[in-house]
Structure formats: C-alpha cells, structure tokens
Protein backbone atom coordinates (compact mmCIF):
# COMPACT_ATOMS: atom_id res chain seq x y z
CA MET A 1 92.76 101.06 128.91
CA LYS A 2 89.57 100.89 127.38
CA ASN A 3 89.18 104.26 125.50
CA ILE A 4 85.58 104.02 124.59
CA ALA A 5 84.95 107.61 124.22
CA LEU A 6 87.54 107.89 121.43
CA GLY A 7 86.20 104.90 119.53
CA LEU A 8 82.62 105.87 119.36
CA VAL A 9 83.38 108.25 116.43
CA MET A 10 84.89 105.69 114.26
CA ALA A 11 82.79 105.50 111.20
CA LEU A 12 83.09 104.02 107.70
CA GLY A 13 86.53 105.17 106.62
CA LEU A 14 88.54 101.92 106.48
CA ALA A 15 86.23 100.02 104.06
CA ALA A 16 84.40 102.65 101.98
CA GLY A 17 85.05 102.66 98.39
CA ALA A 18 88.36 102.44 96.52
CA HIS A 19 91.72 103.90 97.70
CA ALA A 20 92.50 107.53 96.66
CA SER A 21 95.46 106.21 94.43
CA SER A 22 93.32 105.80 91.82
CA GLY A 23 92.04 109.30 91.93
CA GLY A 24 95.19 111.42 92.62
CA GLY A 25 96.21 110.05 96.13
CA ILE A 26 99.68 109.74 97.25
CA ALA A 27 102.03 106.72 96.99
CA TRP A 28 101.74 104.40 99.92
CA ASP A 29 104.67 103.84 102.25
CA LYS A 30 106.20 100.40 102.91
CA ALA A 31 104.45 99.09 106.23
CA PRO A 32 107.30 97.69 108.76
CA VAL A 33 105.37 94.40 109.04
CA LYS A 34 107.20 91.46 110.85
CA THR A 35 104.54 89.15 112.19
CA ASN A 36 106.95 87.17 114.24
CA ASP A 37 107.80 90.36 116.58
CA LEU A 38 105.82 89.26 119.51
CA ALA A 39 106.49 92.63 121.33
CA SER A 40 105.24 94.48 118.21
CA LEU A 41 102.01 92.26 117.93
CA GLN A 42 101.32 92.69 121.42
CA ASN A 43 101.49 96.36 121.44
CA GLY A 44 99.31 96.34 118.16
CA ALA A 45 96.74 94.50 120.10
CA LYS A 46 96.65 96.91 122.88
CA LEU A 47 96.07 99.66 120.34
CA PHE A 48 93.61 97.70 118.44
CA VAL A 49 91.61 97.24 121.38
CA ASN A 50 91.81 100.57 122.88
CA TYR A 51 91.27 102.61 119.59
CA CYS A 52 89.49 100.15 117.07
CA LEU A 53 87.51 97.77 118.73
CA ASN A 54 85.18 100.26 120.36
CA CYS A 55 83.34 100.63 116.88
CA HIS A 56 84.90 97.99 114.50
CA SER A 57 84.44 94.21 115.21
CA ALA A 58 86.78 91.50 114.80
CA ALA A 59 84.02 88.74 114.25
CA PHE A 60 86.41 86.09 113.11
CA MET A 61 88.84 86.45 115.81
CA ARG A 62 88.61 85.13 119.18
CA PHE A 63 90.64 86.67 122.23
CA ASN A 64 91.97 83.65 123.27
CA ARG A 65 94.06 83.50 119.96
CA LEU A 66 95.99 86.17 121.25
CA LYS A 67 98.07 83.45 123.28
CA ASP A 68 99.75 82.81 119.79
CA ILE A 69 101.45 86.23 120.13
CA GLY A 70 102.75 85.22 123.75
CA LEU A 71 100.24 86.34 125.98
CA THR A 72 98.64 84.45 128.91
CA ASP A 73 94.62 84.15 129.65
CA GLN A 74 95.35 86.50 132.66
CA GLN A 75 97.10 89.06 130.80
CA ILE A 76 94.38 89.27 128.28
CA LYS A 77 91.59 89.42 130.97
CA ASP A 78 93.51 92.23 132.75
CA ASN A 79 94.53 94.37 129.79
CA LEU A 80 92.50 93.60 126.52
CA LEU A 81 88.89 92.68 127.79
CA PHE A 82 85.87 94.64 128.61
CA THR A 83 84.15 93.88 131.77
CA THR A 84 81.60 91.58 130.21
CA ASP A 85 83.68 89.71 127.77
CA LYS A 86 85.10 86.14 128.03
CA VAL A 87 88.51 85.10 126.83
CA GLY A 88 87.04 82.56 124.45
CA GLU A 89 84.43 85.16 122.77
CA THR A 90 85.11 86.72 119.58
CA MET A 91 86.01 90.41 119.36
CA LYS A 92 82.76 92.25 119.27
CA ALA A 93 82.59 96.00 118.74
CA ALA A 94 81.75 97.97 122.04
CA ILE A 95 79.25 100.25 119.90
CA ASP A 96 75.55 99.20 119.93
CA PRO A 97 74.56 98.27 116.33
CA LYS A 98 71.49 100.49 116.57
CA GLN A 99 73.30 103.42 117.59
CA ALA A 100 76.01 102.92 115.06
CA LYS A 101 73.15 102.80 112.24
CA GLU A 102 71.50 106.05 113.57
CA TRP A 103 74.98 107.87 113.93
CA PHE A 104 76.75 106.69 110.83
CA GLY A 105 74.14 105.41 108.70
CA GLY A 106 75.45 101.86 109.04
CA ASN A 107 77.43 99.76 111.14
CA PRO A 108 81.36 100.08 110.96
CA PRO A 109 83.12 97.34 108.88
CA ASP A 110 84.65 94.23 110.49
CA LEU A 111 88.61 94.51 110.59
CA THR A 112 89.33 90.98 110.87
CA VAL A 113 90.77 90.60 107.25
CA ILE A 114 91.05 94.31 106.48
CA ALA A 115 94.86 93.94 105.72
CA ARG A 116 94.13 91.36 103.25
CA ALA A 117 91.43 93.22 101.54
CA LYS A 118 93.12 96.45 100.89
CA ALA A 119 95.83 96.22 98.26
CA GLY A 120 96.51 98.17 94.99
CA GLN A 121 99.83 99.93 94.57
CA GLY A 122 101.06 98.12 97.52
CA THR A 123 99.99 95.46 100.27
CA GLY A 124 96.96 96.12 102.40
CA ALA A 125 99.35 96.81 105.24
CA ASP A 126 101.15 99.50 103.19
CA TYR A 127 97.66 101.18 102.66
CA LEU A 128 96.70 101.05 106.28
CA TYR A 129 100.21 102.17 107.51
CA THR A 130 100.03 105.24 105.09
CA TYR A 131 96.27 105.95 105.75
CA LEU A 132 96.85 106.07 109.38
CA ARG A 133 99.78 108.45 109.18
CA THR A 134 98.22 110.99 106.75
CA TYR A 135 95.06 112.49 108.64
CA TYR A 136 95.29 116.32 108.92
CA ARG A 137 92.83 118.96 110.09
CA ASP A 138 90.04 120.01 107.49
CA GLU A 139 87.18 122.45 109.09
CA THR A 140 85.36 121.93 105.80
CA LYS A 141 84.77 118.36 106.73
CA ALA A 142 81.86 117.25 109.11
CA THR A 143 84.37 115.33 111.17
CA GLY A 144 86.80 118.19 111.21
CA TRP A 145 89.52 115.83 109.44
CA ASN A 146 90.52 114.72 106.03
CA ASN A 147 93.03 112.22 104.94
CA MET A 148 95.89 112.35 102.01
CA VAL A 149 95.41 108.51 101.01
CA PHE A 150 91.46 108.92 101.32
CA PRO A 151 90.17 112.28 100.61
CA SER A 152 86.94 113.04 102.22
CA VAL A 153 87.11 110.10 104.41
CA GLY A 154 84.26 109.49 106.66
CA MET A 155 86.03 108.06 109.66
CA PRO A 156 87.62 110.86 112.05
CA HIS A 157 91.24 110.72 113.33
CA VAL A 158 90.79 108.51 116.41
CA LEU A 159 94.50 108.33 117.17
CA TRP A 160 94.84 112.40 117.02
CA GLU A 161 95.75 112.66 120.76
CA LEU A 162 98.64 110.50 119.82
CA GLN A 163 99.86 112.14 116.80
CA GLY A 164 98.47 115.73 117.57
CA GLU A 165 97.14 117.83 114.63
CA ARG A 166 99.02 118.62 111.40
CA GLN A 167 98.50 120.14 108.01
CA PRO A 168 100.20 118.81 104.77
CA ILE A 169 102.39 121.34 102.91
CA PHE A 170 101.47 121.88 99.14
CA GLU A 171 103.55 123.68 96.52
CA GLU A 172 102.24 125.32 93.27
CA ARG A 173 103.27 123.69 90.05
CA GLU A 174 102.48 124.12 86.40
CA GLU A 175 100.99 121.01 84.83
CA HIS A 176 99.40 121.23 81.34
CA GLY A 177 99.08 124.70 81.24
CA HIS A 178 97.25 124.88 84.76
CA THR A 179 98.52 125.59 88.23
CA VAL A 180 97.87 123.16 90.58
CA GLU A 181 98.73 122.43 94.44
CA VAL A 182 100.99 119.39 94.77
CA PHE A 183 101.83 117.66 98.21
CA THR A 184 105.41 118.02 99.18
CA GLY A 185 105.48 115.27 101.45
CA LYS A 186 106.22 117.33 104.42
CA TRP A 187 103.94 118.47 107.33
CA LYS A 188 103.41 121.32 109.40
CA GLN A 189 102.63 120.58 113.21
CA ILE A 190 99.81 122.53 114.47
CA LYS A 191 99.44 121.03 117.79
CA PRO A 192 101.80 118.32 119.10
CA GLY A 193 100.45 114.67 120.25
CA THR A 194 101.52 112.50 123.37
CA MET A 195 104.10 110.85 120.81
CA THR A 196 106.79 112.24 118.87
CA PRO A 197 106.44 111.56 114.94
CA LEU A 198 108.81 108.60 115.39
CA GLN A 199 107.00 107.20 118.33
CA TYR A 200 103.79 107.44 116.37
CA ASP A 201 105.08 105.92 113.38
CA GLN A 202 106.32 103.17 115.31
CA ALA A 203 102.96 102.62 117.05
CA VAL A 204 101.14 102.62 113.86
CA GLY A 205 103.42 100.09 112.66
CA ASP A 206 102.66 98.04 115.40
CA LEU A 207 99.05 98.31 114.93
CA VAL A 208 99.25 97.34 111.24
CA ASN A 209 101.44 94.60 112.15
CA TYR A 210 98.68 93.27 114.14
CA LEU A 211 96.06 93.79 111.58
CA GLN A 212 98.31 91.73 109.09
CA TRP A 213 98.67 89.05 111.76
CA MET A 214 94.72 88.93 112.50
CA GLY A 215 94.15 88.28 109.05
CA GLU A 216 95.89 85.10 109.09
CA PRO A 217 96.89 84.00 112.60
CA ALA A 218 98.48 80.78 111.23
CA GLN A 219 100.71 82.34 108.70
CA ASN A 220 103.80 82.08 110.84
CA THR A 221 103.15 78.55 111.72
CA ARG A 222 102.29 77.73 108.00
CA VAL A 223 105.66 79.38 106.80
CA ARG A 224 107.74 77.48 109.56
CA VAL A 225 106.02 74.18 108.45
CA GLY A 226 106.63 74.90 105.09
CA VAL A 227 110.48 75.26 105.53
CA TRP A 228 110.61 72.04 107.21
CA VAL A 229 108.32 70.24 104.24
CA LEU A 230 110.85 71.69 101.78
CA LEU A 231 113.87 70.52 103.75
CA PHE A 232 112.12 67.05 104.06
CA LEU A 233 111.51 66.80 100.27
CA LEU A 234 115.10 68.08 99.43
CA CYS A 235 116.54 65.34 101.75
CA PHE A 236 114.06 62.66 100.15
CA THR A 237 115.18 63.68 96.96
CA VAL A 238 118.78 63.08 97.55
CA ILE A 239 118.00 59.63 98.97
CA ALA A 240 115.67 58.62 96.22
CA TRP A 241 118.30 59.68 93.70
CA ARG A 242 121.26 57.66 95.33
CA LEU A 243 119.00 54.60 95.63
CA ASN A 244 117.95 54.80 91.91
CA ALA A 245 121.74 55.04 91.07
CA ALA A 246 122.40 52.10 93.47
CA PHE A 247 119.35 50.07 91.75
CA TRP A 248 120.46 50.60 88.04
CA LYS A 249 124.30 50.36 88.52
CA ASP A 250 124.35 46.82 87.51
CA VAL A 251 121.65 47.03 84.82
CA LYS A 252 123.17 46.97 81.18
C-alpha cells in the first residue's frame, strides 16, 4: 500500500517556477473536480498517500480529517498510515529531510494548498490535472522524463507504472517564415501501463479532486451553511417586508 520506492524520486516539479503556459506550454484541460464525491476523494487520498506523501508532506492536514470524507479511524490506520504514524498526526513525508536535500538540493514542497496556489489560464486543479497527464519519455533529461505543461520539469513521472510510457506527436507548421513543431494533442503509446488511458485519467481526476479538497477541507460545509444562510435571509426579508407593510398601512 505504501509505495515508498516510487515516491523517493519525487523532486521539486510541482512547485518550481511558473507554469509553462507563459512560455509556450499547452492549454490546460478542465479537471473533473467534485469535492462532494466521497468515493473519488477516498481514492484520491489513497493515491496521495501511496505516490505523493513519500516525498511531499501535507503539514497542515491531519490524518483524522479524512473522517470528513467518510473514512473511519480504523480504515485510516489500516490503509493510509505508515507504521509509525498516528491518526491525529499531520501528514509528514516519508523521506528524510537530510536525504532530500542531498538528492534534490532541497526538500520537496508541501502540497497542502498546492491546488489553490497553482492558477493562471484555469484553476490550480486544471493545472495539476493536465500536468499529471502529460508526462513523456525524454532520455535527454536527467530523470528520463519531460512534461508538456512544465518543460524540463525536475520531478520524474512517479505514476508511470499506471500510465505507461508515451511520446507526444508533433507536426511541422510554418509560422512567421519558420518551420516549427507543434503538439497535435495526440500521443503514441510506447509501453502500456497497468491502467487504460481512461482509467488513468479517472485516477488522476480523483487525486486532483483530493488535492483540491485538502486545500480547504471545510469548503463543502461552508457552501452548505451558506445556502441555508441565504434561504434564511430570503425568508426574513419577506417577513420584514410584510411587517413593514402592516405597520404603515394605517399611516397617512
């Protein structure tokens, strides 16, 4: 359940620098975020613990907050905790900070509010959803991977076993008197993963959904309370209007 080996290679990609859209990157896809979908959030939490928490912490999130998405303490202990962790603790990265600094030159960034921090031509969730689905093999890079949203990204593709290995398909076009290669939006599958493309997209959607929820766990409660407050104010306005009419009806 705890895929530490895969996570040990996660580096600084998610939080390093500006996104590539300002430098010729591709457009972001719309993330299928639905933070009231408990099944999606639970699967996203599992993916986060297995593939992200090995190197990236979520220091402002406690494991017991996962009860808000329908998990019990026992389910959290059995499926989402490392052996030394406790339900009331914050989500600390499995990697040793000294090792991270030695291997990557610094500690991988905290991901608690990463979905809220990344925005530009769409939401932070859109960025993450596109980013995690556009890795491709590039042997010229130290990690062996590159990314269409974040060219020369420092973080390797830790989900490659799920997605497999792919190459983007380019076509040549004439622009301003020069021949340039433009991404067609299509991919060539080099090595299949354990998931189909549709399954992988759904899995990434669940992970991004969880990251969006984690940035503000109270958002569903806030929205629900806000609806009731608006309904109360609407009813109170009608009552106040009728009382005002009744009070002034005999006043000339």
